[in-house]
């Protein structure tokens, strides 16, 4: 990661492939986590307070925002991978 950040990798194709693969896998994991969090929020029972419900709603919204950002980065990584 440090080598990639400081640019010592030289822009080789293997690093570009690794970047694209990482962001695709991360987007998939974030999507699955956000869907599970949404499911947990929907199935909350009456024992939880209204505050807990709002916290879970916020967690779901931010999880979907993170998923969207990872998907966007994955698309740009795949475009860069295809052009290399």
C-alpha atoms as a PDB file:
ATOM      1  CA  UNK A   1       0.000   0.000   0.000  1.00  0.00           C
ATOM      2  CA  UNK A   2       2.793   2.423   0.904  1.00  0.00           C
ATOM      3  CA  UNK A   3       4.649   1.564  -2.313  1.00  0.00           C
ATOM      4  CA  UNK A   4       1.482   2.236  -4.280  1.00  0.00           C
ATOM      5  CA  UNK A   5       0.880   5.585  -2.568  1.00  0.00           C
ATOM      6  CA  UNK A   6       4.409   6.910  -3.061  1.00  0.00           C
ATOM      7  CA  UNK A   7       4.542   5.698  -6.655  1.00  0.00           C
ATOM      8  CA  UNK A   8       7.462   3.249  -6.523  1.00  0.00           C
ATOM      9  CA  UNK A   9       5.414   0.581  -8.273  1.00  0.00           C
ATOM     10  CA  UNK A  10       5.954   2.375 -11.592  1.00  0.00           C
ATOM     11  CA  UNK A  11       2.356   2.029 -12.790  1.00  0.00           C
ATOM     12  CA  UNK A  12       2.756  -1.612 -13.756  1.00  0.00           C
ATOM     13  CA  UNK A  13      -0.270  -3.532 -14.946  1.00  0.00           C
ATOM     14  CA  UNK A  14      -0.205  -5.934 -11.994  1.00  0.00           C
ATOM     15  CA  UNK A  15      -0.731  -3.036  -9.549  1.00  0.00           C
ATOM     16  CA  UNK A  16      -3.561  -1.660 -11.670  1.00  0.00           C
ATOM     17  CA  UNK A  17      -5.150  -5.111 -11.728  1.00  0.00           C
ATOM     18  CA  UNK A  18      -4.763  -5.412  -7.960  1.00  0.00           C
ATOM     19  CA  UNK A  19      -6.380  -1.995  -7.472  1.00  0.00           C
ATOM     20  CA  UNK A  20      -9.337  -2.898  -9.695  1.00  0.00           C
ATOM     21  CA  UNK A  21      -9.821  -6.284  -8.030  1.00  0.00           C
ATOM     22  CA  UNK A  22      -9.623  -4.784  -4.533  1.00  0.00           C
ATOM     23  CA  UNK A  23     -12.251  -2.145  -5.220  1.00  0.00           C
ATOM     24  CA  UNK A  24     -14.605  -4.639  -6.864  1.00  0.00           C
ATOM     25  CA  UNK A  25     -14.346  -6.990  -3.863  1.00  0.00           C
ATOM     26  CA  UNK A  26     -14.686  -4.090  -1.399  1.00  0.00           C
ATOM     27  CA  UNK A  27     -17.813  -2.850  -3.207  1.00  0.00           C
ATOM     28  CA  UNK A  28     -19.303  -6.334  -3.004  1.00  0.00           C
ATOM     29  CA  UNK A  29     -18.548  -6.610   0.734  1.00  0.00           C
ATOM     30  CA  UNK A  30     -19.920  -3.143   1.480  1.00  0.00           C
ATOM     31  CA  UNK A  31     -23.072  -3.937  -0.495  1.00  0.00           C
ATOM     32  CA  UNK A  32     -23.640  -7.142   1.440  1.00  0.00           C
ATOM     33  CA  UNK A  33     -23.028  -5.374   4.754  1.00  0.00           C
ATOM     34  CA  UNK A  34     -25.398  -2.550   3.900  1.00  0.00           C
ATOM     35  CA  UNK A  35     -28.138  -4.973   2.834  1.00  0.00           C
ATOM     36  CA  UNK A  36     -27.744  -6.933   6.073  1.00  0.00           C
ATOM     37  CA  UNK A  37     -27.829  -3.715   8.106  1.00  0.00           C
ATOM     38  CA  UNK A  38     -31.008  -2.647   6.310  1.00  0.00           C
ATOM     39  CA  UNK A  39     -32.552  -6.044   6.996  1.00  0.00           C
ATOM     40  CA  UNK A  40     -31.610  -5.802  10.679  1.00  0.00           C
ATOM     41  CA  UNK A  41     -33.177  -2.345  10.854  1.00  0.00           C
ATOM     42  CA  UNK A  42     -36.393  -3.506   9.224  1.00  0.00           C
ATOM     43  CA  UNK A  43     -36.738  -6.486  11.556  1.00  0.00           C
ATOM     44  CA  UNK A  44     -36.081  -4.562  14.782  1.00  0.00           C
ATOM     45  CA  UNK A  45     -38.605  -5.496  17.418  1.00  0.00           C
ATOM     46  CA  UNK A  46     -40.404  -3.297  19.916  1.00  0.00           C
ATOM     47  CA  UNK A  47     -37.787  -3.676  22.657  1.00  0.00           C
ATOM     48  CA  UNK A  48     -35.501  -1.176  20.935  1.00  0.00           C
ATOM     49  CA  UNK A  49     -35.913   2.519  21.503  1.00  0.00           C
ATOM     50  CA  UNK A  50     -36.652   5.052  18.816  1.00  0.00           C
ATOM     51  CA  UNK A  51     -33.056   6.327  19.184  1.00  0.00           C
ATOM     52  CA  UNK A  52     -31.618   2.925  18.243  1.00  0.00           C
ATOM     53  CA  UNK A  53     -33.861   2.848  15.191  1.00  0.00           C
ATOM     54  CA  UNK A  54     -32.569   6.248  14.037  1.00  0.00           C
ATOM     55  CA  UNK A  55     -28.966   5.165  14.583  1.00  0.00           C
ATOM     56  CA  UNK A  56     -29.547   2.112  12.426  1.00  0.00           C
ATOM     57  CA  UNK A  57     -31.189   4.226   9.723  1.00  0.00           C
ATOM     58  CA  UNK A  58     -28.120   6.498   9.690  1.00  0.00           C
ATOM     59  CA  UNK A  59     -25.846   3.448   9.527  1.00  0.00           C
ATOM     60  CA  UNK A  60     -27.784   2.102   6.540  1.00  0.00           C
ATOM     61  CA  UNK A  61     -27.628   5.433   4.704  1.00  0.00           C
ATOM     62  CA  UNK A  62     -23.890   5.824   5.236  1.00  0.00           C
ATOM     63  CA  UNK A  63     -23.290   2.178   4.296  1.00  0.00           C
ATOM     64  CA  UNK A  64     -25.039   2.743   0.976  1.00  0.00           C
ATOM     65  CA  UNK A  65     -23.046   5.947   0.412  1.00  0.00           C
ATOM     66  CA  UNK A  66     -19.806   4.041   1.063  1.00  0.00           C
ATOM     67  CA  UNK A  67     -20.969   1.296  -1.292  1.00  0.00           C
ATOM     68  CA  UNK A  68     -21.721   3.826  -4.008  1.00  0.00           C
ATOM     69  CA  UNK A  69     -18.291   5.417  -3.639  1.00  0.00           C
ATOM     70  CA  UNK A  70     -16.559   2.031  -3.810  1.00  0.00           C
ATOM     71  CA  UNK A  71     -18.564   1.119  -6.929  1.00  0.00           C
ATOM     72  CA  UNK A  72     -17.618   4.419  -8.592  1.00  0.00           C
ATOM     73  CA  UNK A  73     -13.956   3.877  -7.750  1.00  0.00           C
ATOM     74  CA  UNK A  74     -14.174   0.284  -9.006  1.00  0.00           C
ATOM     75  CA  UNK A  75     -15.612   1.476 -12.325  1.00  0.00           C
ATOM     76  CA  UNK A  76     -12.811   4.006 -12.770  1.00  0.00           C
ATOM     77  CA  UNK A  77     -10.245   1.369 -11.770  1.00  0.00           C
ATOM     78  CA  UNK A  78     -11.652  -1.030 -14.351  1.00  0.00           C
ATOM     79  CA  UNK A  79     -11.543   1.703 -17.011  1.00  0.00           C
ATOM     80  CA  UNK A  80      -7.910   2.387 -16.127  1.00  0.00           C
ATOM     81  CA  UNK A  81      -7.160  -1.352 -16.124  1.00  0.00           C
ATOM     82  CA  UNK A  82      -8.746  -1.741 -19.582  1.00  0.00           C
ATOM     83  CA  UNK A  83      -6.744   1.152 -21.019  1.00  0.00           C
ATOM     84  CA  UNK A  84      -3.403  -0.124 -19.676  1.00  0.00           C
END
